[in-house]
PDB file of all heavy atoms in Angstrom:
ATOM      1  N   THR A   1     -10.311 -22.155  43.421  1.00  0.00           N
ATOM      2  CA  THR A   1      -9.083 -21.596  43.955  1.00  0.00           C
ATOM      3  C   THR A   1      -9.134 -21.601  45.474  1.00  0.00           C
ATOM      4  O   THR A   1     -10.089 -21.087  46.066  1.00  0.00           O
ATOM      5  CB  THR A   1      -8.856 -20.156  43.466  1.00  0.00           C
ATOM      6  OG1 THR A   1      -8.822 -20.125  42.037  1.00  0.00           O
ATOM      7  CG2 THR A   1      -7.531 -19.620  44.004  1.00  0.00           C
ATOM      8  N   ILE A   2      -8.119 -22.178  46.091  1.00  0.00           N
ATOM      9  CA  ILE A   2      -8.028 -22.190  47.537  1.00  0.00           C
ATOM     10  C   ILE A   2      -7.052 -21.109  47.981  1.00  0.00           C
ATOM     11  O   ILE A   2      -6.057 -20.833  47.306  1.00  0.00           O
ATOM     12  CB  ILE A   2      -7.597 -23.579  48.059  1.00  0.00           C
ATOM     13  CG1 ILE A   2      -7.779 -23.678  49.573  1.00  0.00           C
ATOM     14  CG2 ILE A   2      -6.167 -23.904  47.654  1.00  0.00           C
ATOM     15  CD1 ILE A   2      -7.620 -25.092  50.115  1.00  0.00           C
ATOM     16  N   SER A   3      -7.340 -20.486  49.107  1.00  0.00           N
ATOM     17  CA  SER A   3      -6.480 -19.440  49.623  1.00  0.00           C
ATOM     18  C   SER A   3      -6.656 -19.344  51.128  1.00  0.00           C
ATOM     19  O   SER A   3      -7.578 -19.931  51.699  1.00  0.00           O
ATOM     20  CB  SER A   3      -6.784 -18.092  48.959  1.00  0.00           C
ATOM     21  OG  SER A   3      -8.111 -17.676  49.237  1.00  0.00           O
ATOM     22  N   ARG A   4      -5.771 -18.610  51.756  1.00  0.00           N
ATOM     23  CA  ARG A   4      -5.853 -18.402  53.196  1.00  0.00           C
ATOM     24  C   ARG A   4      -5.558 -16.954  53.525  1.00  0.00           C
ATOM     25  O   ARG A   4      -4.823 -16.271  52.798  1.00  0.00           O
ATOM     26  CB  ARG A   4      -4.887 -19.321  53.940  1.00  0.00           C
ATOM     27  CG  ARG A   4      -3.427 -19.179  53.528  1.00  0.00           C
ATOM     28  CD  ARG A   4      -2.558 -20.162  54.282  1.00  0.00           C
ATOM     29  NE  ARG A   4      -1.189 -20.179  53.799  1.00  0.00           N
ATOM     30  CZ  ARG A   4      -0.216 -19.404  54.257  1.00  0.00           C
ATOM     31  NH1 ARG A   4      -0.472 -18.522  55.227  1.00  0.00           N
ATOM     32  NH2 ARG A   4       1.008 -19.498  53.757  1.00  0.00           N
ATOM     33  N   ASP A   5      -6.104 -16.484  54.627  1.00  0.00           N
ATOM     34  CA  ASP A   5      -5.804 -15.138  55.064  1.00  0.00           C
ATOM     35  C   ASP A   5      -4.695 -15.177  56.102  1.00  0.00           C
ATOM     36  O   ASP A   5      -4.095 -16.216  56.360  1.00  0.00           O
ATOM     37  CB  ASP A   5      -7.057 -14.431  55.582  1.00  0.00           C
ATOM     38  CG  ASP A   5      -7.650 -15.068  56.825  1.00  0.00           C
ATOM     39  OD1 ASP A   5      -6.978 -15.893  57.478  1.00  0.00           O
ATOM     40  OD2 ASP A   5      -8.807 -14.740  57.149  1.00  0.00           O
ATOM     41  N   ALA A   6      -4.412 -14.037  56.706  1.00  0.00           N
ATOM     42  CA  ALA A   6      -3.298 -13.939  57.643  1.00  0.00           C
ATOM     43  C   ALA A   6      -3.615 -14.526  59.002  1.00  0.00           C
ATOM     44  O   ALA A   6      -2.717 -14.645  59.835  1.00  0.00           O
ATOM     45  CB  ALA A   6      -2.874 -12.480  57.809  1.00  0.00           C
ATOM     46  N   LYS A   7      -4.842 -14.901  59.207  1.00  0.00           N
ATOM     47  CA  LYS A   7      -5.220 -15.380  60.531  1.00  0.00           C
ATOM     48  C   LYS A   7      -5.671 -16.836  60.499  1.00  0.00           C
ATOM     49  O   LYS A   7      -4.853 -17.744  60.465  1.00  0.00           O
ATOM     50  CB  LYS A   7      -6.287 -14.466  61.124  1.00  0.00           C
ATOM     51  CG  LYS A   7      -5.777 -13.065  61.405  1.00  0.00           C
ATOM     52  CD  LYS A   7      -6.802 -12.214  62.124  1.00  0.00           C
ATOM     53  CE  LYS A   7      -6.225 -10.846  62.459  1.00  0.00           C
ATOM     54  NZ  LYS A   7      -7.205  -9.988  63.168  1.00  0.00           N
ATOM     55  N   ASN A   8      -6.952 -17.047  60.485  1.00  0.00           N
ATOM     56  CA  ASN A   8      -7.446 -18.397  60.734  1.00  0.00           C
ATOM     57  C   ASN A   8      -8.526 -18.860  59.768  1.00  0.00           C
ATOM     58  O   ASN A   8      -9.294 -19.769  60.105  1.00  0.00           O
ATOM     59  CB  ASN A   8      -7.982 -18.486  62.165  1.00  0.00           C
ATOM     60  CG  ASN A   8      -9.166 -17.565  62.407  1.00  0.00           C
ATOM     61  OD1 ASN A   8      -9.438 -16.666  61.622  1.00  0.00           O
ATOM     62  ND2 ASN A   8      -9.871 -17.798  63.506  1.00  0.00           N
ATOM     63  N   THR A   9      -8.576 -18.281  58.589  1.00  0.00           N
ATOM     64  CA  THR A   9      -9.616 -18.635  57.638  1.00  0.00           C
ATOM     65  C   THR A   9      -9.025 -19.094  56.314  1.00  0.00           C
ATOM     66  O   THR A   9      -8.099 -18.465  55.793  1.00  0.00           O
ATOM     67  CB  THR A   9     -10.568 -17.454  57.384  1.00  0.00           C
ATOM     68  OG1 THR A   9     -11.143 -17.040  58.631  1.00  0.00           O
ATOM     69  CG2 THR A   9     -11.679 -17.850  56.434  1.00  0.00           C
ATOM     70  N   VAL A  10      -9.555 -20.172  55.797  1.00  0.00           N
ATOM     71  CA  VAL A  10      -9.215 -20.680  54.478  1.00  0.00           C
ATOM     72  C   VAL A  10     -10.452 -20.591  53.602  1.00  0.00           C
ATOM     73  O   VAL A  10     -11.566 -20.885  54.053  1.00  0.00           O
ATOM     74  CB  VAL A  10      -8.690 -22.120  54.555  1.00  0.00           C
ATOM     75  CG1 VAL A  10      -8.544 -22.722  53.160  1.00  0.00           C
ATOM     76  CG2 VAL A  10      -7.349 -22.149  55.277  1.00  0.00           C
ATOM     77  N   TYR A  11     -10.255 -20.208  52.355  1.00  0.00           N
ATOM     78  CA  TYR A  11     -11.349 -19.992  51.433  1.00  0.00           C
ATOM     79  C   TYR A  11     -11.266 -20.955  50.260  1.00  0.00           C
ATOM     80  O   TYR A  11     -10.193 -21.404  49.874  1.00  0.00           O
ATOM     81  CB  TYR A  11     -11.334 -18.560  50.896  1.00  0.00           C
ATOM     82  CG  TYR A  11     -11.337 -17.511  51.972  1.00  0.00           C
ATOM     83  CD1 TYR A  11     -10.147 -16.964  52.443  1.00  0.00           C
ATOM     84  CD2 TYR A  11     -12.531 -17.069  52.527  1.00  0.00           C
ATOM     85  CE1 TYR A  11     -10.149 -16.007  53.435  1.00  0.00           C
ATOM     86  CE2 TYR A  11     -12.545 -16.110  53.518  1.00  0.00           C
ATOM     87  CZ  TYR A  11     -11.350 -15.582  53.971  1.00  0.00           C
ATOM     88  OH  TYR A  11     -11.364 -14.627  54.960  1.00  0.00           O
ATOM     89  N   LEU A  12     -12.411 -21.231  49.698  1.00  0.00           N
ATOM     90  CA  LEU A  12     -12.485 -21.965  48.454  1.00  0.00           C
ATOM     91  C   LEU A  12     -13.386 -21.184  47.510  1.00  0.00           C
ATOM     92  O   LEU A  12     -14.605 -21.154  47.696  1.00  0.00           O
ATOM     93  CB  LEU A  12     -13.021 -23.380  48.671  1.00  0.00           C
ATOM     94  CG  LEU A  12     -13.032 -24.265  47.427  1.00  0.00           C
ATOM     95  CD1 LEU A  12     -11.606 -24.590  46.985  1.00  0.00           C
ATOM     96  CD2 LEU A  12     -13.812 -25.552  47.677  1.00  0.00           C
ATOM     97  N   GLU A  13     -12.768 -20.540  46.528  1.00  0.00           N
ATOM     98  CA  GLU A  13     -13.514 -19.823  45.505  1.00  0.00           C
ATOM     99  C   GLU A  13     -13.869 -20.795  44.402  1.00  0.00           C
ATOM    100  O   GLU A  13     -12.987 -21.400  43.799  1.00  0.00           O
ATOM    101  CB  GLU A  13     -12.678 -18.667  44.953  1.00  0.00           C
ATOM    102  CG  GLU A  13     -13.392 -17.809  43.934  1.00  0.00           C
ATOM    103  CD  GLU A  13     -14.439 -16.910  44.552  1.00  0.00           C
ATOM    104  OE1 GLU A  13     -14.246 -16.499  45.712  1.00  0.00           O
ATOM    105  OE2 GLU A  13     -15.442 -16.611  43.882  1.00  0.00           O
ATOM    106  N   MET A  14     -15.146 -20.943  44.151  1.00  0.00           N
ATOM    107  CA  MET A  14     -15.634 -21.904  43.184  1.00  0.00           C
ATOM    108  C   MET A  14     -16.302 -21.160  42.040  1.00  0.00           C
ATOM    109  O   MET A  14     -17.285 -20.446  42.250  1.00  0.00           O
ATOM    110  CB  MET A  14     -16.616 -22.881  43.834  1.00  0.00           C
ATOM    111  CG  MET A  14     -16.050 -23.588  45.060  1.00  0.00           C
ATOM    112  SD  MET A  14     -17.167 -24.850  45.710  1.00  0.00           S
ATOM    113  CE  MET A  14     -18.544 -23.821  46.222  1.00  0.00           C
ATOM    114  N   ASN A  15     -15.762 -21.332  40.860  1.00  0.00           N
ATOM    115  CA  ASN A  15     -16.288 -20.695  39.662  1.00  0.00           C
ATOM    116  C   ASN A  15     -16.714 -21.744  38.645  1.00  0.00           C
ATOM    117  O   ASN A  15     -16.313 -22.902  38.725  1.00  0.00           O
ATOM    118  CB  ASN A  15     -15.238 -19.771  39.045  1.00  0.00           C
ATOM    119  CG  ASN A  15     -14.797 -18.674  39.975  1.00  0.00           C
ATOM    120  OD1 ASN A  15     -15.618 -17.974  40.562  1.00  0.00           O
ATOM    121  ND2 ASN A  15     -13.481 -18.506  40.123  1.00  0.00           N
ATOM    122  N   SER A  16     -17.505 -21.311  37.690  1.00  0.00           N
ATOM    123  CA  SER A  16     -17.989 -22.201  36.631  1.00  0.00           C
ATOM    124  C   SER A  16     -18.570 -23.480  37.213  1.00  0.00           C
ATOM    125  O   SER A  16     -18.266 -24.592  36.773  1.00  0.00           O
ATOM    126  CB  SER A  16     -16.856 -22.517  35.649  1.00  0.00           C
ATOM    127  OG  SER A  16     -16.348 -21.341  35.062  1.00  0.00           O
ATOM    128  N   LEU A  17     -19.407 -23.311  38.200  1.00  0.00           N
ATOM    129  CA  LEU A  17     -19.954 -24.466  38.900  1.00  0.00           C
ATOM    130  C   LEU A  17     -20.835 -25.310  37.992  1.00  0.00           C
ATOM    131  O   LEU A  17     -21.538 -24.787  37.127  1.00  0.00           O
ATOM    132  CB  LEU A  17     -20.738 -24.013  40.120  1.00  0.00           C
ATOM    133  CG  LEU A  17     -19.868 -23.581  41.307  1.00  0.00           C
ATOM    134  CD1 LEU A  17     -20.678 -22.779  42.305  1.00  0.00           C
ATOM    135  CD2 LEU A  17     -19.248 -24.805  41.975  1.00  0.00           C
ATOM    136  N   GLU A  18     -20.774 -26.591  38.216  1.00  0.00           N
ATOM    137  CA  GLU A  18     -21.516 -27.571  37.447  1.00  0.00           C
ATOM    138  C   GLU A  18     -22.412 -28.367  38.379  1.00  0.00           C
ATOM    139  O   GLU A  18     -22.153 -28.449  39.577  1.00  0.00           O
ATOM    140  CB  GLU A  18     -20.544 -28.513  36.726  1.00  0.00           C
ATOM    141  CG  GLU A  18     -19.536 -27.800  35.850  1.00  0.00           C
ATOM    142  CD  GLU A  18     -18.417 -28.709  35.393  1.00  0.00           C
ATOM    143  OE1 GLU A  18     -18.338 -29.859  35.861  1.00  0.00           O
ATOM    144  OE2 GLU A  18     -17.619 -28.257  34.543  1.00  0.00           O
ATOM    145  N   PRO A  19     -23.474 -28.967  37.848  1.00  0.00           N
ATOM    146  CA  PRO A  19     -24.320 -29.799  38.702  1.00  0.00           C
ATOM    147  C   PRO A  19     -23.553 -30.886  39.436  1.00  0.00           C
ATOM    148  O   PRO A  19     -23.921 -31.250  40.563  1.00  0.00           O
ATOM    149  CB  PRO A  19     -25.336 -30.394  37.714  1.00  0.00           C
ATOM    150  CG  PRO A  19     -25.430 -29.367  36.636  1.00  0.00           C
ATOM    151  CD  PRO A  19     -24.043 -28.814  36.493  1.00  0.00           C
ATOM    152  N   GLU A  20     -22.496 -31.383  38.827  1.00  0.00           N
ATOM    153  CA  GLU A  20     -21.678 -32.417  39.451  1.00  0.00           C
ATOM    154  C   GLU A  20     -20.935 -31.916  40.688  1.00  0.00           C
ATOM    155  O   GLU A  20     -20.401 -32.724  41.458  1.00  0.00           O
ATOM    156  CB  GLU A  20     -20.680 -32.982  38.442  1.00  0.00           C
ATOM    157  CG  GLU A  20     -21.313 -33.793  37.312  1.00  0.00           C
ATOM    158  CD  GLU A  20     -22.000 -32.927  36.263  1.00  0.00           C
ATOM    159  OE1 GLU A  20     -21.726 -31.704  36.212  1.00  0.00           O
ATOM    160  OE2 GLU A  20     -22.813 -33.466  35.494  1.00  0.00           O
ATOM    161  N   ASP A  21     -20.875 -30.620  40.877  1.00  0.00           N
ATOM    162  CA  ASP A  21     -20.253 -30.051  42.063  1.00  0.00           C
ATOM    163  C   ASP A  21     -21.184 -30.062  43.276  1.00  0.00           C
ATOM    164  O   ASP A  21     -20.747 -29.714  44.376  1.00  0.00           O
ATOM    165  CB  ASP A  21     -19.794 -28.619  41.796  1.00  0.00           C
ATOM    166  CG  ASP A  21     -18.727 -28.546  40.726  1.00  0.00           C
ATOM    167  OD1 ASP A  21     -17.790 -29.371  40.751  1.00  0.00           O
ATOM    168  OD2 ASP A  21     -18.822 -27.645  39.862  1.00  0.00           O
ATOM    169  N   THR A  22     -22.423 -30.416  43.077  1.00  0.00           N
ATOM    170  CA  THR A  22     -23.383 -30.451  44.175  1.00  0.00           C
ATOM    171  C   THR A  22     -22.951 -31.466  45.222  1.00  0.00           C
ATOM    172  O   THR A  22     -22.739 -32.639  44.917  1.00  0.00           O
ATOM    173  CB  THR A  22     -24.782 -30.794  43.659  1.00  0.00           C
ATOM    174  OG1 THR A  22     -25.238 -29.759  42.781  1.00  0.00           O
ATOM    175  CG2 THR A  22     -25.763 -30.928  44.807  1.00  0.00           C
ATOM    176  N   ALA A  23     -22.820 -31.014  46.448  1.00  0.00           N
ATOM    177  CA  ALA A  23     -22.361 -31.871  47.533  1.00  0.00           C
ATOM    178  C   ALA A  23     -22.344 -31.065  48.823  1.00  0.00           C
ATOM    179  O   ALA A  23     -22.496 -29.842  48.813  1.00  0.00           O
ATOM    180  CB  ALA A  23     -20.959 -32.416  47.244  1.00  0.00           C
ATOM    181  N   VAL A  24     -22.147 -31.765  49.915  1.00  0.00           N
ATOM    182  CA  VAL A  24     -21.790 -31.111  51.158  1.00  0.00           C
ATOM    183  C   VAL A  24     -20.282 -30.949  51.168  1.00  0.00           C
ATOM    184  O   VAL A  24     -19.548 -31.915  50.957  1.00  0.00           O
ATOM    185  CB  VAL A  24     -22.252 -31.916  52.383  1.00  0.00           C
ATOM    186  CG1 VAL A  24     -21.798 -31.242  53.668  1.00  0.00           C
ATOM    187  CG2 VAL A  24     -23.774 -32.057  52.381  1.00  0.00           C
ATOM    188  N   TYR A  25     -19.827 -29.748  51.411  1.00  0.00           N
ATOM    189  CA  TYR A  25     -18.409 -29.445  51.408  1.00  0.00           C
ATOM    190  C   TYR A  25     -17.902 -29.316  52.838  1.00  0.00           C
ATOM    191  O   TYR A  25     -18.491 -28.609  53.659  1.00  0.00           O
ATOM    192  CB  TYR A  25     -18.136 -28.148  50.638  1.00  0.00           C
ATOM    193  CG  TYR A  25     -18.189 -28.333  49.144  1.00  0.00           C
ATOM    194  CD1 TYR A  25     -19.397 -28.568  48.503  1.00  0.00           C
ATOM    195  CD2 TYR A  25     -17.031 -28.286  48.378  1.00  0.00           C
ATOM    196  CE1 TYR A  25     -19.450 -28.761  47.135  1.00  0.00           C
ATOM    197  CE2 TYR A  25     -17.074 -28.471  47.011  1.00  0.00           C
ATOM    198  CZ  TYR A  25     -18.285 -28.709  46.390  1.00  0.00           C
ATOM    199  OH  TYR A  25     -18.335 -28.889  45.028  1.00  0.00           O
ATOM    200  N   TYR A  26     -16.810 -29.993  53.112  1.00  0.00           N
ATOM    201  CA  TYR A  26     -16.208 -30.018  54.432  1.00  0.00           C
ATOM    202  C   TYR A  26     -14.790 -29.482  54.370  1.00  0.00           C
ATOM    203  O   TYR A  26     -14.072 -29.713  53.398  1.00  0.00           O
ATOM    204  CB  TYR A  26     -16.134 -31.445  54.984  1.00  0.00           C
ATOM    205  CG  TYR A  26     -17.446 -32.173  55.087  1.00  0.00           C
ATOM    206  CD1 TYR A  26     -17.952 -32.897  54.011  1.00  0.00           C
ATOM    207  CD2 TYR A  26     -18.177 -32.160  56.271  1.00  0.00           C
ATOM    208  CE1 TYR A  26     -19.150 -33.578  54.103  1.00  0.00           C
ATOM    209  CE2 TYR A  26     -19.370 -32.835  56.376  1.00  0.00           C
ATOM    210  CZ  TYR A  26     -19.853 -33.549  55.291  1.00  0.00           C
ATOM    211  OH  TYR A  26     -21.043 -34.233  55.393  1.00  0.00           O
ATOM    212  N   CYS A  27     -14.377 -28.810  55.417  1.00  0.00           N
ATOM    213  CA  CYS A  27     -12.962 -28.543  55.577  1.00  0.00           C
ATOM    214  C   CYS A  27     -12.407 -29.446  56.662  1.00  0.00           C
ATOM    215  O   CYS A  27     -13.127 -29.875  57.573  1.00  0.00           O
ATOM    216  CB  CYS A  27     -12.677 -27.063  55.875  1.00  0.00           C
ATOM    217  SG  CYS A  27     -13.321 -26.429  57.435  1.00  0.00           S
ATOM    218  N   ALA A  28     -11.133 -29.741  56.548  1.00  0.00           N
ATOM    219  CA  ALA A  28     -10.489 -30.663  57.462  1.00  0.00           C
ATOM    220  C   ALA A  28      -9.043 -30.246  57.670  1.00  0.00           C
ATOM    221  O   ALA A  28      -8.439 -29.604  56.802  1.00  0.00           O
ATOM    222  CB  ALA A  28     -10.564 -32.095  56.919  1.00  0.00           C
ATOM    223  N   VAL A  29      -8.485 -30.638  58.799  1.00  0.00           N
ATOM    224  CA  VAL A  29      -7.133 -30.248  59.178  1.00  0.00           C
ATOM    225  C   VAL A  29      -6.318 -31.458  59.588  1.00  0.00           C
ATOM    226  O   VAL A  29      -6.829 -32.372  60.246  1.00  0.00           O
ATOM    227  CB  VAL A  29      -7.149 -29.220  60.330  1.00  0.00           C
ATOM    228  CG1 VAL A  29      -5.762 -29.060  60.947  1.00  0.00           C
ATOM    229  CG2 VAL A  29      -7.643 -27.871  59.842  1.00  0.00           C
ATOM    230  N   ARG A  30      -5.077 -31.447  59.179  1.00  0.00           N
ATOM    231  CA  ARG A  30      -4.089 -32.342  59.755  1.00  0.00           C
ATOM    232  C   ARG A  30      -2.846 -31.528  60.085  1.00  0.00           C
ATOM    233  O   ARG A  30      -2.578 -30.510  59.444  1.00  0.00           O
ATOM    234  CB  ARG A  30      -3.732 -33.493  58.818  1.00  0.00           C
ATOM    235  CG  ARG A  30      -2.942 -33.083  57.578  1.00  0.00           C
ATOM    236  CD  ARG A  30      -2.427 -34.310  56.831  1.00  0.00           C
ATOM    237  NE  ARG A  30      -1.674 -33.938  55.643  1.00  0.00           N
ATOM    238  CZ  ARG A  30      -0.365 -33.703  55.620  1.00  0.00           C
ATOM    239  NH1 ARG A  30       0.352 -33.793  56.742  1.00  0.00           N
ATOM    240  NH2 ARG A  30       0.237 -33.372  54.487  1.00  0.00           N
ATOM    241  N   TYR A  31      -2.094 -31.966  61.064  1.00  0.00           N
ATOM    242  CA  TYR A  31      -0.815 -31.349  61.371  1.00  0.00           C
ATOM    243  C   TYR A  31       0.296 -32.095  60.651  1.00  0.00           C
ATOM    244  O   TYR A  31       0.233 -33.313  60.474  1.00  0.00           O
ATOM    245  CB  TYR A  31      -0.551 -31.378  62.873  1.00  0.00           C
ATOM    246  CG  TYR A  31      -1.493 -30.505  63.677  1.00  0.00           C
ATOM    247  CD1 TYR A  31      -2.394 -31.070  64.578  1.00  0.00           C
ATOM    248  CD2 TYR A  31      -1.473 -29.130  63.535  1.00  0.00           C
ATOM    249  CE1 TYR A  31      -3.252 -30.272  65.316  1.00  0.00           C
ATOM    250  CE2 TYR A  31      -2.329 -28.327  64.263  1.00  0.00           C
ATOM    251  CZ  TYR A  31      -3.223 -28.902  65.156  1.00  0.00           C
ATOM    252  OH  TYR A  31      -4.081 -28.104  65.889  1.00  0.00           O
TER     253      TYR A  31
END
């Protein structure tokens, strides 16, 4: 689940994680 707060932070809540989820996770922005 992705979400954002009222300011400048975006979250990624990850549940039921699997070995296939193993990775480096990056956030990125476009306008």
